[in-house]
Every structure is written in C-alpha cells, then in structure tokens.
Amino acid sequence: MKSLNEILWSPSQRDAFAADLVTLVDRHLAGVRGLRGIGLKTGMAVLKAAKPDLLDGALRRNAPQFIAALEPLYAEFQRSADRDFSVFLQKHADEGRDALLAMADARLEKSRNGALQSAYRKMRGSIENEIGAAMPALGKLIRGYM
C-alpha cells in the first residue's frame, strides 16, 4: 500500500494538494471569531501584503515534513479496521496535532531567524489550538486524495 507521502506529494498531486492546504488555512482563519480571529486575520493580512505568496510558499516547503509527521498515524490507520482516514484522524486528533506541532517545533529550533522563533514561541499555544481545530478539515482534505 502507498505511503501518505506517495499519495499526497507525488508529482501529479503536489500542486493540487498544496493549493488545497492554502484554501484550508484561509477558510479556517475566516471562520475564527472574536478577538483571536481579528488578531489572526490581521496578522495574515499583514503577512500577505508584505509577501503575497508567503502562505503558499511556506506550506509547499513544509508539506513533506507535515506529511511525514502524519505517516505513523496513517500506518496505524492501515492496520486498523477503520476505512475512512478522516474519521480515524478525528478519533486521533490530539495525536495528529501533537505530531504536527513536534515537527514545527523541530523546524523552528533549527531556524536562525530569531524574530521568527520569538513570534512562534509567543503564539505556540494559539497555534496548538488552531491546528487542533483544523484537524477534522485536514482529515477530510486528505481523504479526498485517497
């Protein structure tokens, strides 16, 4: 059976999957309400104004590592009786979130950009919440490629 990387990041799927990830993030941010939503939307607008392709570029650069972080869960899914990866990922949302955060933590630890490291540390709790909230949508997105 194919790995998650072979399914999602094959040359024939890469561009579509990356574009779908950008859409997922944009839709997720659009749905965040209250002060947190205002802050996240404002921050993203500032980043996009400075560099319009920032989100797309960041997701494309990091997608292989994010996919690799989810591979153990995908392997567990393949061994399970479950037939729908999005349902499986919802059942294991905390594990998925933690795997993605661990990968992001490791990447940021290697970064030489002090400002980026500082901003990430300050926002890590919020990032953790947002990744957790986005797990169902991520599962559905991945399911669409299977």
N, C-alpha and C. Protein backbone atom coordinates (compact mmCIF):
# COMPACT_ATOMS: atom_id res chain seq x y z
N MET A 1 0.84 -1.18 0.00
CA MET A 1 0.00 0.00 0.00
C MET A 1 0.89 1.25 0.00
N LYS A 2 0.42 2.30 -0.63
CA LYS A 2 1.21 3.53 -0.74
C LYS A 2 1.30 4.26 0.60
N SER A 3 2.40 4.99 0.75
CA SER A 3 2.57 5.84 1.93
C SER A 3 1.74 7.10 1.74
N LEU A 4 1.54 7.81 2.83
CA LEU A 4 0.82 9.08 2.75
C LEU A 4 1.56 10.07 1.85
N ASN A 5 2.89 10.07 1.93
CA ASN A 5 3.69 10.94 1.08
C ASN A 5 3.48 10.61 -0.40
N GLU A 6 3.46 9.32 -0.72
CA GLU A 6 3.25 8.91 -2.12
C GLU A 6 1.87 9.33 -2.62
N ILE A 7 0.90 9.34 -1.73
CA ILE A 7 -0.46 9.72 -2.11
C ILE A 7 -0.58 11.24 -2.28
N LEU A 8 -0.07 11.98 -1.30
CA LEU A 8 -0.32 13.42 -1.25
C LEU A 8 0.74 14.26 -1.96
N TRP A 9 1.97 13.79 -2.02
CA TRP A 9 3.05 14.64 -2.51
C TRP A 9 3.72 14.09 -3.76
N SER A 10 3.02 13.20 -4.45
CA SER A 10 3.53 12.71 -5.73
C SER A 10 3.52 13.88 -6.71
N PRO A 11 4.37 13.84 -7.72
CA PRO A 11 4.40 14.96 -8.67
C PRO A 11 3.03 15.29 -9.27
N SER A 12 2.20 14.29 -9.46
CA SER A 12 0.88 14.55 -10.06
C SER A 12 -0.11 15.18 -9.08
N GLN A 13 0.13 15.07 -7.78
CA GLN A 13 -0.80 15.59 -6.77
C GLN A 13 -0.29 16.83 -6.05
N ARG A 14 1.00 17.05 -6.09
CA ARG A 14 1.65 18.08 -5.27
C ARG A 14 1.01 19.46 -5.39
N ASP A 15 0.84 19.94 -6.60
CA ASP A 15 0.30 21.30 -6.78
C ASP A 15 -1.13 21.41 -6.26
N ALA A 16 -1.94 20.41 -6.57
CA ALA A 16 -3.34 20.44 -6.11
C ALA A 16 -3.41 20.36 -4.59
N PHE A 17 -2.61 19.48 -4.00
CA PHE A 17 -2.64 19.34 -2.54
C PHE A 17 -2.16 20.62 -1.87
N ALA A 18 -1.09 21.22 -2.38
CA ALA A 18 -0.59 22.47 -1.80
C ALA A 18 -1.64 23.57 -1.90
N ALA A 19 -2.30 23.68 -3.04
CA ALA A 19 -3.35 24.69 -3.20
C ALA A 19 -4.51 24.42 -2.24
N ASP A 20 -4.84 23.15 -2.06
CA ASP A 20 -5.92 22.81 -1.12
C ASP A 20 -5.53 23.13 0.32
N LEU A 21 -4.25 22.97 0.66
CA LEU A 21 -3.80 23.34 2.01
C LEU A 21 -3.95 24.84 2.24
N VAL A 22 -3.59 25.64 1.23
CA VAL A 22 -3.75 27.09 1.34
C VAL A 22 -5.22 27.43 1.56
N THR A 23 -6.09 26.81 0.78
CA THR A 23 -7.53 27.05 0.93
C THR A 23 -8.01 26.64 2.32
N LEU A 24 -7.52 25.50 2.81
CA LEU A 24 -7.90 25.04 4.15
C LEU A 24 -7.52 26.07 5.21
N VAL A 25 -6.30 26.59 5.13
CA VAL A 25 -5.85 27.59 6.11
C VAL A 25 -6.68 28.86 5.99
N ASP A 26 -6.89 29.33 4.76
CA ASP A 26 -7.68 30.55 4.56
C ASP A 26 -9.10 30.38 5.11
N ARG A 27 -9.72 29.25 4.83
CA ARG A 27 -11.09 29.01 5.32
C ARG A 27 -11.12 28.90 6.84
N HIS A 28 -10.11 28.24 7.38
CA HIS A 28 -10.07 28.10 8.83
C HIS A 28 -9.96 29.48 9.48
N LEU A 29 -9.04 30.30 8.99
CA LEU A 29 -8.87 31.64 9.56
C LEU A 29 -10.13 32.48 9.39
N ALA A 30 -10.81 32.33 8.27
CA ALA A 30 -12.04 33.10 8.04
C ALA A 30 -13.11 32.73 9.05
N GLY A 31 -13.07 31.51 9.56
CA GLY A 31 -14.08 31.06 10.50
C GLY A 31 -13.78 31.33 11.95
N VAL A 32 -12.58 31.82 12.25
CA VAL A 32 -12.22 32.10 13.64
C VAL A 32 -12.87 33.42 14.04
N ARG A 33 -13.58 33.42 15.14
CA ARG A 33 -14.33 34.59 15.60
C ARG A 33 -13.67 35.25 16.81
N GLY A 34 -14.19 36.39 17.16
CA GLY A 34 -13.75 37.10 18.36
C GLY A 34 -12.41 37.79 18.18
N LEU A 35 -11.81 38.14 19.31
CA LEU A 35 -10.53 38.85 19.29
C LEU A 35 -9.43 38.00 18.67
N ARG A 36 -9.47 36.71 18.96
CA ARG A 36 -8.46 35.81 18.39
C ARG A 36 -8.57 35.83 16.87
N GLY A 37 -9.78 35.77 16.35
CA GLY A 37 -9.99 35.81 14.91
C GLY A 37 -9.51 37.11 14.30
N ILE A 38 -9.80 38.21 14.98
CA ILE A 38 -9.34 39.51 14.48
C ILE A 38 -7.82 39.54 14.43
N GLY A 39 -7.18 39.06 15.49
CA GLY A 39 -5.72 39.04 15.54
C GLY A 39 -5.11 38.16 14.46
N LEU A 40 -5.67 36.96 14.29
CA LEU A 40 -5.15 36.04 13.28
C LEU A 40 -5.35 36.59 11.87
N LYS A 41 -6.53 37.12 11.61
CA LYS A 41 -6.82 37.65 10.27
C LYS A 41 -5.96 38.87 9.97
N THR A 42 -5.78 39.73 10.97
CA THR A 42 -4.94 40.91 10.77
C THR A 42 -3.50 40.50 10.51
N GLY A 43 -3.00 39.57 11.31
CA GLY A 43 -1.63 39.09 11.12
C GLY A 43 -1.43 38.49 9.75
N MET A 44 -2.37 37.67 9.30
CA MET A 44 -2.25 37.05 7.98
C MET A 44 -2.33 38.10 6.89
N ALA A 45 -3.20 39.10 7.05
CA ALA A 45 -3.32 40.16 6.05
C ALA A 45 -2.01 40.94 5.93
N VAL A 46 -1.38 41.22 7.05
CA VAL A 46 -0.10 41.94 7.04
C VAL A 46 0.95 41.11 6.32
N LEU A 47 1.01 39.82 6.66
CA LEU A 47 1.99 38.94 6.02
C LEU A 47 1.75 38.84 4.52
N LYS A 48 0.49 38.69 4.12
CA LYS A 48 0.18 38.57 2.70
C LYS A 48 0.43 39.87 1.95
N ALA A 49 0.24 41.01 2.62
CA ALA A 49 0.52 42.30 1.98
C ALA A 49 2.02 42.43 1.72
N ALA A 50 2.82 41.96 2.66
CA ALA A 50 4.27 42.05 2.52
C ALA A 50 4.78 41.04 1.48
N LYS A 51 4.19 39.86 1.49
CA LYS A 51 4.64 38.81 0.57
C LYS A 51 3.42 37.95 0.21
N PRO A 52 2.78 38.26 -0.91
CA PRO A 52 1.52 37.60 -1.26
C PRO A 52 1.58 36.07 -1.32
N ASP A 53 2.71 35.51 -1.71
CA ASP A 53 2.80 34.05 -1.82
C ASP A 53 3.42 33.40 -0.59
N LEU A 54 3.46 34.12 0.52
CA LEU A 54 4.10 33.61 1.73
C LEU A 54 3.46 32.31 2.22
N LEU A 55 2.16 32.27 2.34
CA LEU A 55 1.48 31.08 2.85
C LEU A 55 1.68 29.90 1.91
N ASP A 56 1.49 30.13 0.61
CA ASP A 56 1.69 29.06 -0.36
C ASP A 56 3.12 28.53 -0.30
N GLY A 57 4.09 29.43 -0.27
CA GLY A 57 5.49 29.00 -0.21
C GLY A 57 5.82 28.25 1.06
N ALA A 58 5.32 28.75 2.18
CA ALA A 58 5.59 28.08 3.47
C ALA A 58 4.96 26.70 3.51
N LEU A 59 3.74 26.58 3.01
CA LEU A 59 3.08 25.27 3.01
C LEU A 59 3.78 24.31 2.06
N ARG A 60 4.20 24.79 0.90
CA ARG A 60 4.92 23.91 -0.04
C ARG A 60 6.25 23.44 0.55
N ARG A 61 6.97 24.34 1.20
CA ARG A 61 8.27 23.96 1.79
C ARG A 61 8.10 22.97 2.93
N ASN A 62 7.05 23.13 3.69
CA ASN A 62 6.88 22.31 4.90
C ASN A 62 5.96 21.11 4.73
N ALA A 63 5.22 21.05 3.64
CA ALA A 63 4.27 19.94 3.45
C ALA A 63 4.93 18.57 3.55
N PRO A 64 6.10 18.33 2.95
CA PRO A 64 6.69 16.99 3.09
C PRO A 64 6.96 16.61 4.55
N GLN A 65 7.38 17.56 5.36
CA GLN A 65 7.62 17.26 6.77
C GLN A 65 6.31 17.06 7.53
N PHE A 66 5.29 17.84 7.20
CA PHE A 66 3.98 17.67 7.83
C PHE A 66 3.40 16.30 7.47
N ILE A 67 3.53 15.92 6.21
CA ILE A 67 3.05 14.61 5.78
C ILE A 67 3.81 13.51 6.52
N ALA A 68 5.13 13.66 6.61
CA ALA A 68 5.95 12.66 7.31
C ALA A 68 5.53 12.55 8.78
N ALA A 69 5.15 13.66 9.38
CA ALA A 69 4.72 13.64 10.79
C ALA A 69 3.44 12.83 10.96
N LEU A 70 2.61 12.79 9.93
CA LEU A 70 1.35 12.05 10.00
C LEU A 70 1.48 10.59 9.54
N GLU A 71 2.64 10.23 8.97
CA GLU A 71 2.83 8.86 8.47
C GLU A 71 2.57 7.79 9.54
N PRO A 72 3.07 7.96 10.79
CA PRO A 72 2.78 6.91 11.79
C PRO A 72 1.29 6.72 12.04
N LEU A 73 0.53 7.80 12.04
CA LEU A 73 -0.92 7.68 12.20
C LEU A 73 -1.55 7.00 10.99
N TYR A 74 -1.04 7.30 9.80
CA TYR A 74 -1.56 6.67 8.60
C TYR A 74 -1.26 5.17 8.62
N ALA A 75 -0.06 4.81 9.07
CA ALA A 75 0.29 3.39 9.18
C ALA A 75 -0.63 2.69 10.19
N GLU A 76 -0.91 3.37 11.30
CA GLU A 76 -1.83 2.81 12.29
C GLU A 76 -3.23 2.66 11.70
N PHE A 77 -3.66 3.65 10.92
CA PHE A 77 -4.95 3.58 10.25
C PHE A 77 -5.02 2.36 9.33
N GLN A 78 -3.94 2.13 8.57
CA GLN A 78 -3.93 1.00 7.65
C GLN A 78 -4.04 -0.34 8.37
N ARG A 79 -3.51 -0.41 9.58
CA ARG A 79 -3.58 -1.65 10.37
C ARG A 79 -4.93 -1.80 11.09
N SER A 80 -5.68 -0.72 11.14
CA SER A 80 -6.94 -0.74 11.89
C SER A 80 -8.09 -1.24 11.02
N ALA A 81 -9.23 -1.41 11.64
CA ALA A 81 -10.45 -1.80 10.91
C ALA A 81 -11.14 -0.59 10.28
N ASP A 82 -10.69 0.61 10.62
CA ASP A 82 -11.30 1.82 10.07
C ASP A 82 -11.06 1.89 8.56
N ARG A 83 -12.02 2.44 7.85
CA ARG A 83 -11.92 2.56 6.39
C ARG A 83 -11.89 4.01 5.92
N ASP A 84 -12.09 4.95 6.82
CA ASP A 84 -12.13 6.36 6.45
C ASP A 84 -11.07 7.10 7.27
N PHE A 85 -10.03 7.56 6.58
CA PHE A 85 -8.92 8.20 7.29
C PHE A 85 -9.37 9.47 8.00
N SER A 86 -10.33 10.19 7.45
CA SER A 86 -10.77 11.43 8.12
C SER A 86 -11.43 11.11 9.45
N VAL A 87 -12.21 10.03 9.51
CA VAL A 87 -12.83 9.61 10.77
C VAL A 87 -11.75 9.14 11.74
N PHE A 88 -10.80 8.37 11.24
CA PHE A 88 -9.69 7.89 12.07
C PHE A 88 -8.91 9.08 12.64
N LEU A 89 -8.62 10.06 11.80
CA LEU A 89 -7.86 11.23 12.25
C LEU A 89 -8.64 12.04 13.27
N GLN A 90 -9.95 12.10 13.15
CA GLN A 90 -10.75 12.78 14.16
C GLN A 90 -10.66 12.06 15.50
N LYS A 91 -10.66 10.73 15.46
CA LYS A 91 -10.53 9.95 16.70
C LYS A 91 -9.15 10.15 17.34
N HIS A 92 -8.17 10.43 16.51
CA HIS A 92 -6.79 10.59 16.97
C HIS A 92 -6.29 12.02 16.74
N ALA A 93 -7.21 12.97 16.87
CA ALA A 93 -6.88 14.38 16.57
C ALA A 93 -5.76 14.90 17.46
N ASP A 94 -5.76 14.53 18.74
CA ASP A 94 -4.70 15.01 19.63
C ASP A 94 -3.34 14.50 19.19
N GLU A 95 -3.28 13.23 18.79
CA GLU A 95 -2.02 12.67 18.32
C GLU A 95 -1.57 13.35 17.03
N GLY A 96 -2.50 13.60 16.12
CA GLY A 96 -2.17 14.29 14.88
C GLY A 96 -1.68 15.69 15.13
N ARG A 97 -2.39 16.40 15.98
CA ARG A 97 -1.98 17.77 16.34
C ARG A 97 -0.59 17.77 16.96
N ASP A 98 -0.36 16.86 17.90
CA ASP A 98 0.93 16.80 18.57
C ASP A 98 2.06 16.45 17.61
N ALA A 99 1.79 15.57 16.65
CA ALA A 99 2.80 15.20 15.66
C ALA A 99 3.16 16.41 14.79
N LEU A 100 2.15 17.15 14.36
CA LEU A 100 2.41 18.33 13.53
C LEU A 100 3.14 19.41 14.32
N LEU A 101 2.76 19.59 15.58
CA LEU A 101 3.45 20.58 16.42
C LEU A 101 4.89 20.19 16.69
N ALA A 102 5.14 18.91 16.92
CA ALA A 102 6.51 18.44 17.17
C ALA A 102 7.39 18.72 15.95
N MET A 103 6.84 18.50 14.76
CA MET A 103 7.59 18.79 13.55
C MET A 103 7.86 20.28 13.43
N ALA A 104 6.85 21.10 13.69
CA ALA A 104 7.03 22.56 13.62
C ALA A 104 8.03 23.03 14.67
N ASP A 105 7.95 22.49 15.87
CA ASP A 105 8.90 22.84 16.93
C ASP A 105 10.33 22.54 16.49
N ALA A 106 10.53 21.35 15.92
CA ALA A 106 11.87 20.94 15.48
C ALA A 106 12.38 21.85 14.37
N ARG A 107 11.52 22.20 13.44
CA ARG A 107 11.95 23.09 12.34
C ARG A 107 12.32 24.47 12.87
N LEU A 108 11.52 24.99 13.80
CA LEU A 108 11.79 26.32 14.35
C LEU A 108 13.05 26.33 15.19
N GLU A 109 13.31 25.23 15.86
CA GLU A 109 14.52 25.13 16.69
C GLU A 109 15.78 25.27 15.83
N LYS A 110 15.71 24.80 14.59
CA LYS A 110 16.86 24.86 13.68
C LYS A 110 16.97 26.21 12.97
N SER A 111 15.92 27.00 13.03
CA SER A 111 15.90 28.28 12.33
C SER A 111 16.92 29.24 12.93
N ARG A 112 17.52 30.03 12.05
CA ARG A 112 18.44 31.07 12.51
C ARG A 112 17.74 32.43 12.59
N ASN A 113 16.44 32.43 12.34
CA ASN A 113 15.66 33.66 12.37
C ASN A 113 15.11 33.86 13.78
N GLY A 114 15.79 34.68 14.55
CA GLY A 114 15.40 34.92 15.94
C GLY A 114 14.02 35.52 16.09
N ALA A 115 13.65 36.41 15.18
CA ALA A 115 12.32 37.04 15.25
C ALA A 115 11.23 35.99 15.02
N LEU A 116 11.47 35.10 14.07
CA LEU A 116 10.50 34.04 13.80
C LEU A 116 10.38 33.10 15.01
N GLN A 117 11.51 32.74 15.59
CA GLN A 117 11.49 31.87 16.78
C GLN A 117 10.74 32.53 17.92
N SER A 118 10.99 33.80 18.14
CA SER A 118 10.33 34.52 19.22
C SER A 118 8.81 34.59 18.99
N ALA A 119 8.42 34.93 17.77
CA ALA A 119 6.99 35.02 17.46
C ALA A 119 6.33 33.66 17.62
N TYR A 120 7.00 32.60 17.18
CA TYR A 120 6.43 31.25 17.30
C TYR A 120 6.24 30.87 18.76
N ARG A 121 7.24 31.14 19.57
CA ARG A 121 7.13 30.80 21.00
C ARG A 121 5.95 31.51 21.65
N LYS A 122 5.76 32.78 21.30
CA LYS A 122 4.66 33.55 21.88
C LYS A 122 3.30 33.04 21.41
N MET A 123 3.25 32.54 20.20
CA MET A 123 1.97 32.13 19.62
C MET A 123 1.74 30.63 19.67
N ARG A 124 2.67 29.87 20.23
CA ARG A 124 2.58 28.42 20.15
C ARG A 124 1.27 27.87 20.72
N GLY A 125 0.82 28.40 21.84
CA GLY A 125 -0.44 27.94 22.41
C GLY A 125 -1.61 28.15 21.47
N SER A 126 -1.65 29.31 20.84
CA SER A 126 -2.71 29.58 19.86
C SER A 126 -2.58 28.68 18.65
N ILE A 127 -1.34 28.47 18.21
CA ILE A 127 -1.10 27.60 17.07
C ILE A 127 -1.59 26.19 17.39
N GLU A 128 -1.30 25.74 18.59
CA GLU A 128 -1.75 24.41 19.02
C GLU A 128 -3.28 24.31 18.95
N ASN A 129 -3.97 25.32 19.44
CA ASN A 129 -5.43 25.33 19.39
C ASN A 129 -5.95 25.33 17.96
N GLU A 130 -5.34 26.13 17.10
CA GLU A 130 -5.81 26.24 15.72
C GLU A 130 -5.55 24.95 14.95
N ILE A 131 -4.41 24.33 15.16
CA ILE A 131 -4.15 23.05 14.49
C ILE A 131 -5.16 22.01 14.95
N GLY A 132 -5.41 21.98 16.25
CA GLY A 132 -6.40 21.04 16.76
C GLY A 132 -7.77 21.26 16.15
N ALA A 133 -8.16 22.52 16.04
CA ALA A 133 -9.47 22.85 15.46
C ALA A 133 -9.54 22.52 13.97
N ALA A 134 -8.40 22.55 13.30
CA ALA A 134 -8.38 22.29 11.85
C ALA A 134 -8.23 20.81 11.50
N MET A 135 -7.99 19.95 12.48
CA MET A 135 -7.77 18.54 12.20
C MET A 135 -8.92 17.88 11.44
N PRO A 136 -10.19 18.12 11.80
CA PRO A 136 -11.26 17.48 11.01
C PRO A 136 -11.22 17.89 9.53
N ALA A 137 -10.99 19.16 9.26
CA ALA A 137 -10.92 19.62 7.87
C ALA A 137 -9.71 19.02 7.17
N LEU A 138 -8.59 18.91 7.88
CA LEU A 138 -7.40 18.30 7.29
C LEU A 138 -7.67 16.83 6.95
N GLY A 139 -8.33 16.13 7.84
CA GLY A 139 -8.68 14.74 7.58
C GLY A 139 -9.55 14.59 6.34
N LYS A 140 -10.53 15.46 6.19
CA LYS A 140 -11.40 15.42 5.02
C LYS A 140 -10.62 15.75 3.75
N LEU A 141 -9.71 16.71 3.85
CA LEU A 141 -8.89 17.07 2.70
C LEU A 141 -8.05 15.87 2.26
N ILE A 142 -7.38 15.24 3.21
CA ILE A 142 -6.54 14.09 2.89
C ILE A 142 -7.39 12.96 2.31
N ARG A 143 -8.55 12.71 2.91
CA ARG A 143 -9.44 11.65 2.41
C ARG A 143 -9.77 11.85 0.93
N GLY A 144 -9.90 13.09 0.52
CA GLY A 144 -10.21 13.38 -0.88
C GLY A 144 -9.14 12.94 -1.86
N TYR A 145 -7.94 12.70 -1.39
CA TYR A 145 -6.84 12.26 -2.25
C TYR A 145 -6.64 10.75 -2.23
N MET A 146 -7.42 10.06 -1.42
CA MET A 146 -7.23 8.61 -1.28
C MET A 146 -8.11 7.83 -2.24
